[in-house]
Amino acid sequence: MANLKELKGRIKSVRSTQKITKAKQMVAAAKLRRAQEAAEEARPYAERLNAVMASLAAKVGDTASAPKLLTGTGSDQRHLLVVVNTDKGLCGGLNANIVKEALRKAAALREAGKTVEFYLVGRKGRAPIKRANASAIAKHFDTSDVRTPGFNEAEAIANELLEMFEAGAFDVAHLVYPVFKSALAQNPTVQQLIPVPAPEAGDVPKADAVVEYEPGEEEILEALLPRYVRTQLFAALLEREASEQGASMTAMDNATRNAGDLIKNLNIEYNRQRQAAITTELIEIIAGAEAL
């Protein structure tokens, strides 16, 4: 059992940690507002671009002139998982959940007889994936050297993925990233990125008027498809940033509360031992007085 001096030192140490977690919670809360606004503002653009893509794709279909980014390579044997993790820790189970979803998808694909490789974005998801898939890491992209990853980073990732696709490095690419719901909920999501998924029959928007495209659907698709890939990656980075700050704020709040509970319990034990020491000292004084 710790003595009074050790208990006093532990209380001081936990209080110092509590100050740090409280400060980090406040910083994350301030960053969360900006990150959440950026993610939410980007969603309507992405949704509208998806609607335009669905309309054009429905017109082009599987024609011989359709772009490769829409029709694919003609095979779905080689899969690439683009896993978007954070660069910093102290954000609860966010990265663990993203990695778990990526490994679950990889296991399902391999069970179906497909080959799987990983393209890792962010630093925190690399180690757990590499432990079981060291030979399956195709590439990774480091975003830790920028304060807030934005469209430039998304464009760089997209360009590299498009080059890999054109070179025949993979047939299908899936994007694994967190979707921000709230500070308490960030849902890992898997969506097909390349080739751009064709719309389902019920997903094609109904036009209010006849639209004629100039120069033509195929040419417009050829220009829009790379932009679609870049936009999806940009949206994923924005969702990651909001998710990271939300998860960090929640984790630091929990840590601050736990530190408070620990300090309370340590104080109870400290006061108990101090009272016991005082009582023992009084008994010794009284016994000494009686002996006189």
C-alpha atoms as a PDB file:
ATOM      1  CA  MET A   1       0.000   0.000   0.000  1.00  0.00           C
ATOM      2  CA  ALA A   2       1.309   3.473  -0.934  1.00  0.00           C
ATOM      3  CA  ASN A   3       2.330   5.748   1.919  1.00  0.00           C
ATOM      4  CA  LEU A   4       1.222   9.371   2.312  1.00  0.00           C
ATOM      5  CA  LYS A   5       4.172  10.781   0.366  1.00  0.00           C
ATOM      6  CA  GLU A   6       3.583   8.425  -2.574  1.00  0.00           C
ATOM      7  CA  LEU A   7      -0.155   9.199  -2.598  1.00  0.00           C
ATOM      8  CA  LYS A   8       0.554  12.924  -2.600  1.00  0.00           C
ATOM      9  CA  GLY A   9       2.934  12.481  -5.559  1.00  0.00           C
ATOM     10  CA  ARG A  10       0.384  10.428  -7.493  1.00  0.00           C
ATOM     11  CA  ILE A  11      -2.327  13.042  -6.917  1.00  0.00           C
ATOM     12  CA  LYS A  12      -0.011  15.767  -8.230  1.00  0.00           C
ATOM     13  CA  SER A  13       0.925  13.673 -11.274  1.00  0.00           C
ATOM     14  CA  VAL A  14      -2.699  12.854 -12.162  1.00  0.00           C
ATOM     15  CA  ARG A  15      -3.707  16.509 -11.785  1.00  0.00           C
ATOM     16  CA  SER A  16      -0.957  17.492 -14.245  1.00  0.00           C
ATOM     17  CA  THR A  17      -2.221  14.870 -16.713  1.00  0.00           C
ATOM     18  CA  GLN A  18      -5.783  16.120 -16.225  1.00  0.00           C
ATOM     19  CA  LYS A  19      -4.710  19.654 -17.178  1.00  0.00           C
ATOM     20  CA  ILE A  20      -3.143  18.313 -20.384  1.00  0.00           C
ATOM     21  CA  THR A  21      -6.187  16.245 -21.392  1.00  0.00           C
ATOM     22  CA  LYS A  22      -8.483  19.190 -20.644  1.00  0.00           C
ATOM     23  CA  ALA A  23      -6.374  21.480 -22.832  1.00  0.00           C
ATOM     24  CA  LYS A  24      -6.342  18.944 -25.660  1.00  0.00           C
ATOM     25  CA  GLN A  25     -10.123  18.577 -25.354  1.00  0.00           C
ATOM     26  CA  MET A  26     -10.598  22.333 -25.756  1.00  0.00           C
ATOM     27  CA  VAL A  27      -8.244  22.475 -28.742  1.00  0.00           C
ATOM     28  CA  ALA A  28     -10.070  19.576 -30.427  1.00  0.00           C
ATOM     29  CA  ALA A  29     -13.438  21.234 -29.776  1.00  0.00           C
ATOM     30  CA  ALA A  30     -12.249  24.450 -31.449  1.00  0.00           C
ATOM     31  CA  LYS A  31     -10.860  22.558 -34.460  1.00  0.00           C
ATOM     32  CA  LEU A  32     -13.975  20.379 -34.697  1.00  0.00           C
ATOM     33  CA  ARG A  33     -16.246  23.316 -35.513  1.00  0.00           C
ATOM     34  CA  ARG A  34     -14.154  24.294 -38.521  1.00  0.00           C
ATOM     35  CA  ALA A  35     -13.615  20.709 -39.681  1.00  0.00           C
ATOM     36  CA  GLN A  36     -17.301  19.835 -39.353  1.00  0.00           C
ATOM     37  CA  GLU A  37     -18.341  22.909 -41.335  1.00  0.00           C
ATOM     38  CA  ALA A  38     -15.853  22.067 -44.103  1.00  0.00           C
ATOM     39  CA  ALA A  39     -17.073  18.451 -44.332  1.00  0.00           C
ATOM     40  CA  GLU A  40     -20.744  19.438 -44.373  1.00  0.00           C
ATOM     41  CA  GLU A  41     -20.200  22.181 -46.960  1.00  0.00           C
ATOM     42  CA  ALA A  42     -18.452  19.730 -49.304  1.00  0.00           C
ATOM     43  CA  ARG A  43     -21.258  17.151 -49.219  1.00  0.00           C
ATOM     44  CA  PRO A  44     -23.768  19.013 -51.471  1.00  0.00           C
ATOM     45  CA  TYR A  45     -21.109  19.483 -54.173  1.00  0.00           C
ATOM     46  CA  ALA A  46     -20.184  15.803 -54.072  1.00  0.00           C
ATOM     47  CA  GLU A  47     -23.844  14.779 -54.173  1.00  0.00           C
ATOM     48  CA  ARG A  48     -24.580  17.053 -57.147  1.00  0.00           C
ATOM     49  CA  LEU A  49     -21.527  15.768 -59.004  1.00  0.00           C
ATOM     50  CA  ASN A  50     -22.727  12.227 -58.339  1.00  0.00           C
ATOM     51  CA  ALA A  51     -26.111  13.104 -59.844  1.00  0.00           C
ATOM     52  CA  VAL A  52     -24.507  14.532 -62.987  1.00  0.00           C
ATOM     53  CA  MET A  53     -22.248  11.492 -63.267  1.00  0.00           C
ATOM     54  CA  ALA A  54     -25.223   9.155 -62.898  1.00  0.00           C
ATOM     55  CA  SER A  55     -27.127  10.981 -65.649  1.00  0.00           C
ATOM     56  CA  LEU A  56     -24.181  10.887 -68.056  1.00  0.00           C
ATOM     57  CA  ALA A  57     -23.289   7.289 -67.231  1.00  0.00           C
ATOM     58  CA  ALA A  58     -26.869   6.193 -67.893  1.00  0.00           C
ATOM     59  CA  LYS A  59     -26.693   7.743 -71.375  1.00  0.00           C
ATOM     60  CA  VAL A  60     -23.288   6.280 -72.254  1.00  0.00           C
ATOM     61  CA  GLY A  61     -23.815   2.840 -70.683  1.00  0.00           C
ATOM     62  CA  ASP A  62     -21.429   0.108 -71.799  1.00  0.00           C
ATOM     63  CA  THR A  63     -20.773   1.494 -75.269  1.00  0.00           C
ATOM     64  CA  ALA A  64     -17.410   0.902 -76.883  1.00  0.00           C
ATOM     65  CA  SER A  65     -16.595   4.614 -76.602  1.00  0.00           C
ATOM     66  CA  ALA A  66     -17.234   4.745 -72.849  1.00  0.00           C
ATOM     67  CA  PRO A  67     -14.163   5.807 -70.815  1.00  0.00           C
ATOM     68  CA  LYS A  68     -12.113   3.119 -69.091  1.00  0.00           C
ATOM     69  CA  LEU A  69     -12.677   4.815 -65.716  1.00  0.00           C
ATOM     70  CA  LEU A  70     -16.362   3.945 -66.106  1.00  0.00           C
ATOM     71  CA  THR A  71     -16.228   0.518 -67.746  1.00  0.00           C
ATOM     72  CA  GLY A  72     -13.158  -0.819 -65.922  1.00  0.00           C
ATOM     73  CA  THR A  73     -10.515  -3.201 -67.185  1.00  0.00           C
ATOM     74  CA  GLY A  74     -12.946  -6.029 -67.868  1.00  0.00           C
ATOM     75  CA  SER A  75     -11.755  -7.889 -64.781  1.00  0.00           C
ATOM     76  CA  ASP A  76     -12.268  -7.613 -61.024  1.00  0.00           C
ATOM     77  CA  GLN A  77      -9.472  -9.891 -59.848  1.00  0.00           C
ATOM     78  CA  ARG A  78      -7.008  -7.357 -58.419  1.00  0.00           C
ATOM     79  CA  HIS A  79      -8.344  -5.036 -55.713  1.00  0.00           C
ATOM     80  CA  LEU A  80      -6.726  -2.021 -54.070  1.00  0.00           C
ATOM     81  CA  LEU A  81      -7.941  -0.747 -50.691  1.00  0.00           C
ATOM     82  CA  VAL A  82      -7.260   2.973 -50.196  1.00  0.00           C
ATOM     83  CA  VAL A  83      -7.330   3.261 -46.393  1.00  0.00           C
ATOM     84  CA  VAL A  84      -7.617   6.798 -44.983  1.00  0.00           C
ATOM     85  CA  ASN A  85      -6.357   7.006 -41.402  1.00  0.00           C
ATOM     86  CA  THR A  86      -5.275   9.938 -39.250  1.00  0.00           C
ATOM     87  CA  ASP A  87      -1.723  11.165 -38.708  1.00  0.00           C
ATOM     88  CA  LYS A  88      -2.114  11.708 -34.969  1.00  0.00           C
ATOM     89  CA  GLY A  89      -3.216   9.533 -32.097  1.00  0.00           C
ATOM     90  CA  LEU A  90      -5.226  10.315 -28.952  1.00  0.00           C
ATOM     91  CA  CYS A  91      -8.497   9.943 -30.843  1.00  0.00           C
ATOM     92  CA  GLY A  92      -9.995   6.900 -29.160  1.00  0.00           C
ATOM     93  CA  GLY A  93     -10.790   3.884 -31.302  1.00  0.00           C
ATOM     94  CA  LEU A  94     -11.157   5.812 -34.580  1.00  0.00           C
ATOM     95  CA  ASN A  95      -8.100   4.387 -36.361  1.00  0.00           C
ATOM     96  CA  ALA A  96      -8.638   0.908 -34.928  1.00  0.00           C
ATOM     97  CA  ASN A  97     -12.182   0.887 -36.332  1.00  0.00           C
ATOM     98  CA  ILE A  98     -11.006   2.047 -39.773  1.00  0.00           C
ATOM     99  CA  VAL A  99      -8.309  -0.637 -39.852  1.00  0.00           C
ATOM    100  CA  LYS A 100     -10.787  -3.266 -38.696  1.00  0.00           C
ATOM    101  CA  GLU A 101     -13.165  -2.346 -41.530  1.00  0.00           C
ATOM    102  CA  ALA A 102     -10.336  -2.430 -44.082  1.00  0.00           C
ATOM    103  CA  LEU A 103      -9.140  -5.848 -42.897  1.00  0.00           C
ATOM    104  CA  ARG A 104     -12.723  -7.143 -42.916  1.00  0.00           C
ATOM    105  CA  LYS A 105     -13.120  -6.026 -46.547  1.00  0.00           C
ATOM    106  CA  ALA A 106      -9.748  -7.536 -47.472  1.00  0.00           C
ATOM    107  CA  ALA A 107     -10.687 -10.859 -45.859  1.00  0.00           C
ATOM    108  CA  ALA A 108     -14.002 -10.954 -47.730  1.00  0.00           C
ATOM    109  CA  LEU A 109     -12.290 -10.260 -51.067  1.00  0.00           C
ATOM    110  CA  ARG A 110      -9.604 -12.896 -50.475  1.00  0.00           C
ATOM    111  CA  GLU A 111     -12.236 -15.411 -49.484  1.00  0.00           C
ATOM    112  CA  ALA A 112     -13.837 -14.757 -52.866  1.00  0.00           C
ATOM    113  CA  GLY A 113     -10.516 -15.571 -54.559  1.00  0.00           C
ATOM    114  CA  LYS A 114      -9.412 -11.979 -55.238  1.00  0.00           C
ATOM    115  CA  THR A 115      -5.959 -10.503 -54.685  1.00  0.00           C
ATOM    116  CA  VAL A 116      -5.774  -7.494 -52.383  1.00  0.00           C
ATOM    117  CA  GLU A 117      -3.236  -4.701 -51.922  1.00  0.00           C
ATOM    118  CA  PHE A 118      -3.312  -1.598 -49.733  1.00  0.00           C
ATOM    119  CA  TYR A 119      -2.695   2.080 -50.448  1.00  0.00           C
ATOM    120  CA  LEU A 120      -2.303   3.733 -47.034  1.00  0.00           C
ATOM    121  CA  VAL A 121      -3.101   7.391 -46.377  1.00  0.00           C
ATOM    122  CA  GLY A 122      -2.072   8.716 -42.965  1.00  0.00           C
ATOM    123  CA  ARG A 123       0.448   7.335 -40.470  1.00  0.00           C
ATOM    124  CA  LYS A 124      -1.615   5.725 -37.728  1.00  0.00           C
ATOM    125  CA  GLY A 125      -3.110   2.876 -39.720  1.00  0.00           C
ATOM    126  CA  ARG A 126       0.138   1.566 -41.180  1.00  0.00           C
ATOM    127  CA  ALA A 127       1.518  -0.547 -38.344  1.00  0.00           C
ATOM    128  CA  PRO A 128      -1.531  -2.774 -37.679  1.00  0.00           C
ATOM    129  CA  ILE A 129      -2.091  -3.375 -41.401  1.00  0.00           C
ATOM    130  CA  LYS A 130       1.593  -4.064 -42.087  1.00  0.00           C
ATOM    131  CA  ARG A 131       1.764  -6.674 -39.331  1.00  0.00           C
ATOM    132  CA  ALA A 132      -0.473  -9.054 -41.278  1.00  0.00           C
ATOM    133  CA  ASN A 133      -0.050  -7.654 -44.809  1.00  0.00           C
ATOM    134  CA  ALA A 134       3.585  -6.564 -45.095  1.00  0.00           C
ATOM    135  CA  SER A 135       3.917  -7.821 -48.664  1.00  0.00           C
ATOM    136  CA  ALA A 136       0.561  -6.381 -49.737  1.00  0.00           C
ATOM    137  CA  ILE A 137       1.349  -2.698 -49.166  1.00  0.00           C
ATOM    138  CA  ALA A 138       1.424  -1.164 -52.630  1.00  0.00           C
ATOM    139  CA  LYS A 139       2.134   2.448 -51.608  1.00  0.00           C
ATOM    140  CA  HIS A 140       1.441   4.963 -48.900  1.00  0.00           C
ATOM    141  CA  PHE A 141       0.857   8.710 -48.909  1.00  0.00           C
ATOM    142  CA  ASP A 142       2.092  10.850 -46.029  1.00  0.00           C
ATOM    143  CA  THR A 143      -0.141  13.773 -44.990  1.00  0.00           C
ATOM    144  CA  SER A 144       1.672  14.544 -41.735  1.00  0.00           C
ATOM    145  CA  ASP A 145       3.795  17.324 -43.232  1.00  0.00           C
ATOM    146  CA  VAL A 146       0.773  19.611 -43.818  1.00  0.00           C
ATOM    147  CA  ARG A 147      -1.284  21.230 -41.100  1.00  0.00           C
ATOM    148  CA  THR A 148      -4.661  20.442 -42.663  1.00  0.00           C
ATOM    149  CA  PRO A 149      -4.733  18.163 -45.745  1.00  0.00           C
ATOM    150  CA  GLY A 150      -6.869  19.665 -48.501  1.00  0.00           C
ATOM    151  CA  PHE A 151      -7.578  19.460 -52.210  1.00  0.00           C
ATOM    152  CA  ASN A 152      -3.888  19.553 -53.200  1.00  0.00           C
ATOM    153  CA  GLU A 153      -3.258  16.354 -51.234  1.00  0.00           C
ATOM    154  CA  ALA A 154      -6.451  14.759 -52.576  1.00  0.00           C
ATOM    155  CA  GLU A 155      -5.385  15.630 -56.132  1.00  0.00           C
ATOM    156  CA  ALA A 156      -1.915  14.159 -55.577  1.00  0.00           C
ATOM    157  CA  ILE A 157      -3.407  10.905 -54.249  1.00  0.00           C
ATOM    158  CA  ALA A 158      -5.940  10.757 -57.086  1.00  0.00           C
ATOM    159  CA  ASN A 159      -3.302  11.358 -59.753  1.00  0.00           C
ATOM    160  CA  GLU A 160      -1.160   8.539 -58.380  1.00  0.00           C
ATOM    161  CA  LEU A 161      -4.133   6.167 -58.224  1.00  0.00           C
ATOM    162  CA  LEU A 162      -5.176   7.051 -61.783  1.00  0.00           C
ATOM    163  CA  GLU A 163      -1.624   6.408 -63.011  1.00  0.00           C
ATOM    164  CA  MET A 164      -1.618   3.038 -61.252  1.00  0.00           C
ATOM    165  CA  PHE A 165      -4.988   2.185 -62.828  1.00  0.00           C
ATOM    166  CA  GLU A 166      -3.838   3.136 -66.310  1.00  0.00           C
ATOM    167  CA  ALA A 167      -0.665   1.076 -65.792  1.00  0.00           C
ATOM    168  CA  GLY A 168      -2.762  -1.977 -64.894  1.00  0.00           C
ATOM    169  CA  ALA A 169      -1.703  -2.156 -61.223  1.00  0.00           C
ATOM    170  CA  PHE A 170      -5.261  -2.982 -60.126  1.00  0.00           C
ATOM    171  CA  ASP A 171      -8.743  -3.572 -61.496  1.00  0.00           C
ATOM    172  CA  VAL A 172     -10.882  -2.133 -58.697  1.00  0.00           C
ATOM    173  CA  ALA A 173     -10.061   0.417 -55.977  1.00  0.00           C
ATOM    174  CA  HIS A 174     -12.129   0.803 -52.806  1.00  0.00           C
ATOM    175  CA  LEU A 175     -11.998   3.823 -50.523  1.00  0.00           C
ATOM    176  CA  VAL A 176     -12.072   3.089 -46.761  1.00  0.00           C
ATOM    177  CA  TYR A 177     -12.587   6.186 -44.613  1.00  0.00           C
ATOM    178  CA  PRO A 178     -14.585   7.482 -41.630  1.00  0.00           C
ATOM    179  CA  VAL A 179     -17.827   9.413 -42.114  1.00  0.00           C
ATOM    180  CA  PHE A 180     -18.413  12.034 -39.443  1.00  0.00           C
ATOM    181  CA  LYS A 181     -21.809  11.793 -37.760  1.00  0.00           C
ATOM    182  CA  SER A 182     -21.124  13.447 -34.424  1.00  0.00           C
ATOM    183  CA  ALA A 183     -18.396  13.768 -31.807  1.00  0.00           C
ATOM    184  CA  LEU A 184     -19.532  10.363 -30.522  1.00  0.00           C
ATOM    185  CA  ALA A 185     -20.008   8.576 -33.860  1.00  0.00           C
ATOM    186  CA  GLN A 186     -17.618   8.267 -36.821  1.00  0.00           C
ATOM    187  CA  ASN A 187     -18.638   5.398 -39.072  1.00  0.00           C
ATOM    188  CA  PRO A 188     -15.982   3.551 -41.137  1.00  0.00           C
ATOM    189  CA  THR A 189     -17.268   3.303 -44.710  1.00  0.00           C
ATOM    190  CA  VAL A 190     -16.186   1.363 -47.785  1.00  0.00           C
ATOM    191  CA  GLN A 191     -17.105   2.616 -51.247  1.00  0.00           C
ATOM    192  CA  GLN A 192     -15.892   1.751 -54.719  1.00  0.00           C
ATOM    193  CA  LEU A 193     -13.704   4.504 -56.126  1.00  0.00           C
ATOM    194  CA  ILE A 194     -12.263   3.108 -59.393  1.00  0.00           C
ATOM    195  CA  PRO A 195     -13.812   2.309 -61.782  1.00  0.00           C
ATOM    196  CA  VAL A 196     -16.486   4.855 -60.992  1.00  0.00           C
ATOM    197  CA  PRO A 197     -19.525   2.766 -60.019  1.00  0.00           C
ATOM    198  CA  ALA A 198     -22.372   2.841 -62.516  1.00  0.00           C
ATOM    199  CA  PRO A 199     -25.690   4.030 -61.059  1.00  0.00           C
ATOM    200  CA  GLU A 200     -28.424   1.586 -60.146  1.00  0.00           C
ATOM    201  CA  ALA A 201     -31.639   1.726 -62.125  1.00  0.00           C
ATOM    202  CA  GLY A 202     -33.485   3.633 -59.403  1.00  0.00           C
ATOM    203  CA  ASP A 203     -30.619   6.035 -58.743  1.00  0.00           C
ATOM    204  CA  VAL A 204     -30.654   7.791 -62.117  1.00  0.00           C
ATOM    205  CA  PRO A 205     -32.167  11.250 -61.582  1.00  0.00           C
ATOM    206  CA  LYS A 206     -35.236  12.117 -63.606  1.00  0.00           C
ATOM    207  CA  ALA A 207     -34.641  15.141 -65.743  1.00  0.00           C
ATOM    208  CA  ASP A 208     -37.244  17.911 -65.840  1.00  0.00           C
ATOM    209  CA  ALA A 209     -36.200  18.777 -69.384  1.00  0.00           C
ATOM    210  CA  VAL A 210     -34.372  17.256 -72.307  1.00  0.00           C
ATOM    211  CA  VAL A 211     -30.667  18.036 -71.943  1.00  0.00           C
ATOM    212  CA  GLU A 212     -28.287  18.058 -74.887  1.00  0.00           C
ATOM    213  CA  TYR A 213     -24.589  17.867 -74.041  1.00  0.00           C
ATOM    214  CA  GLU A 214     -21.927  19.648 -76.050  1.00  0.00           C
ATOM    215  CA  PRO A 215     -19.449  18.342 -77.109  1.00  0.00           C
ATOM    216  CA  GLY A 216     -20.942  14.963 -76.065  1.00  0.00           C
ATOM    217  CA  GLU A 217     -21.565  12.599 -73.171  1.00  0.00           C
ATOM    218  CA  GLU A 218     -18.391  10.589 -73.738  1.00  0.00           C
ATOM    219  CA  GLU A 219     -16.127  13.651 -73.904  1.00  0.00           C
ATOM    220  CA  ILE A 220     -17.720  15.208 -70.824  1.00  0.00           C
ATOM    221  CA  LEU A 221     -17.393  11.949 -68.907  1.00  0.00           C
ATOM    222  CA  GLU A 222     -13.736  11.712 -69.926  1.00  0.00           C
ATOM    223  CA  ALA A 223     -13.144  15.064 -68.219  1.00  0.00           C
ATOM    224  CA  LEU A 224     -15.461  14.566 -65.242  1.00  0.00           C
ATOM    225  CA  LEU A 225     -14.402  11.074 -64.163  1.00  0.00           C
ATOM    226  CA  PRO A 226     -10.931  12.101 -62.886  1.00  0.00           C
ATOM    227  CA  ARG A 227     -12.548  15.101 -61.195  1.00  0.00           C
ATOM    228  CA  TYR A 228     -15.018  12.726 -59.529  1.00  0.00           C
ATOM    229  CA  VAL A 229     -12.159  10.615 -58.124  1.00  0.00           C
ATOM    230  CA  ARG A 230     -10.395  13.725 -56.806  1.00  0.00           C
ATOM    231  CA  THR A 231     -13.626  15.033 -55.262  1.00  0.00           C
ATOM    232  CA  GLN A 232     -14.321  11.741 -53.479  1.00  0.00           C
ATOM    233  CA  LEU A 233     -10.803  11.702 -52.029  1.00  0.00           C
ATOM    234  CA  PHE A 234     -11.089  15.352 -50.980  1.00  0.00           C
ATOM    235  CA  ALA A 235     -14.400  14.600 -49.258  1.00  0.00           C
ATOM    236  CA  ALA A 236     -12.796  11.611 -47.514  1.00  0.00           C
ATOM    237  CA  LEU A 237      -9.968  13.812 -46.178  1.00  0.00           C
ATOM    238  CA  LEU A 238     -12.491  16.349 -44.898  1.00  0.00           C
ATOM    239  CA  GLU A 239     -14.524  13.606 -43.235  1.00  0.00           C
ATOM    240  CA  ARG A 240     -11.314  12.234 -41.710  1.00  0.00           C
ATOM    241  CA  GLU A 241     -10.392  15.621 -40.255  1.00  0.00           C
ATOM    242  CA  ALA A 242     -13.837  16.116 -38.692  1.00  0.00           C
ATOM    243  CA  SER A 243     -13.861  12.537 -37.404  1.00  0.00           C
ATOM    244  CA  GLU A 244     -10.382  12.908 -35.899  1.00  0.00           C
ATOM    245  CA  GLN A 245     -11.270  16.084 -34.004  1.00  0.00           C
ATOM    246  CA  GLY A 246     -14.611  14.679 -32.832  1.00  0.00           C
ATOM    247  CA  ALA A 247     -13.043  11.441 -31.637  1.00  0.00           C
ATOM    248  CA  SER A 248     -10.162  13.318 -30.003  1.00  0.00           C
ATOM    249  CA  MET A 249     -12.534  15.654 -28.162  1.00  0.00           C
ATOM    250  CA  THR A 250     -14.542  12.700 -26.852  1.00  0.00           C
ATOM    251  CA  ALA A 251     -11.440  10.713 -25.872  1.00  0.00           C
ATOM    252  CA  MET A 252      -9.884  13.662 -24.035  1.00  0.00           C
ATOM    253  CA  ASP A 253     -13.181  14.392 -22.266  1.00  0.00           C
ATOM    254  CA  ASN A 254     -13.320  10.777 -21.066  1.00  0.00           C
ATOM    255  CA  ALA A 255      -9.680  10.946 -19.973  1.00  0.00           C
ATOM    256  CA  THR A 256     -10.329  14.175 -18.054  1.00  0.00           C
ATOM    257  CA  ARG A 257     -13.317  12.622 -16.292  1.00  0.00           C
ATOM    258  CA  ASN A 258     -11.371   9.463 -15.460  1.00  0.00           C
ATOM    259  CA  ALA A 259      -8.538  11.557 -14.052  1.00  0.00           C
ATOM    260  CA  GLY A 260     -11.043  13.404 -11.875  1.00  0.00           C
ATOM    261  CA  ASP A 261     -12.427  10.120 -10.553  1.00  0.00           C
ATOM    262  CA  LEU A 262      -8.917   8.844  -9.860  1.00  0.00           C
ATOM    263  CA  ILE A 263      -7.971  12.050  -8.015  1.00  0.00           C
ATOM    264  CA  LYS A 264     -11.139  11.737  -5.926  1.00  0.00           C
ATOM    265  CA  ASN A 265     -10.311   8.150  -4.957  1.00  0.00           C
ATOM    266  CA  LEU A 266      -6.681   9.027  -4.214  1.00  0.00           C
ATOM    267  CA  ASN A 267      -7.792  11.912  -2.008  1.00  0.00           C
ATOM    268  CA  ILE A 268     -10.117   9.593  -0.091  1.00  0.00           C
ATOM    269  CA  GLU A 269      -7.262   7.150   0.510  1.00  0.00           C
ATOM    270  CA  TYR A 270      -4.872   9.974   1.407  1.00  0.00           C
ATOM    271  CA  ASN A 271      -7.294  11.434   3.961  1.00  0.00           C
ATOM    272  CA  ARG A 272      -8.004   7.982   5.386  1.00  0.00           C
ATOM    273  CA  GLN A 273      -4.318   7.236   5.890  1.00  0.00           C
ATOM    274  CA  ARG A 274      -3.659  10.734   7.226  1.00  0.00           C
ATOM    275  CA  GLN A 275      -6.477  10.379   9.761  1.00  0.00           C
ATOM    276  CA  ALA A 276      -5.179   6.951  10.757  1.00  0.00           C
ATOM    277  CA  ALA A 277      -1.685   8.405  11.246  1.00  0.00           C
ATOM    278  CA  ILE A 278      -3.042  11.237  13.372  1.00  0.00           C
ATOM    279  CA  THR A 279      -5.065   8.791  15.478  1.00  0.00           C
ATOM    280  CA  THR A 280      -2.018   6.574  15.976  1.00  0.00           C
ATOM    281  CA  GLU A 281       0.082   9.577  16.993  1.00  0.00           C
ATOM    282  CA  LEU A 282      -2.556  10.720  19.518  1.00  0.00           C
ATOM    283  CA  ILE A 283      -2.722   7.236  21.031  1.00  0.00           C
ATOM    284  CA  GLU A 284       1.053   7.206  21.417  1.00  0.00           C
ATOM    285  CA  ILE A 285       0.984  10.657  23.079  1.00  0.00           C
ATOM    286  CA  ILE A 286      -1.754   9.607  25.488  1.00  0.00           C
ATOM    287  CA  ALA A 287       0.064   6.350  26.307  1.00  0.00           C
ATOM    288  CA  GLY A 288       3.247   8.320  26.980  1.00  0.00           C
ATOM    289  CA  ALA A 289       1.438  10.748  29.245  1.00  0.00           C
ATOM    290  CA  GLU A 290      -0.133   7.922  31.260  1.00  0.00           C
ATOM    291  CA  ALA A 291       3.267   6.308  31.716  1.00  0.00           C
ATOM    292  CA  LEU A 292       4.484   9.459  33.391  1.00  0.00           C
END
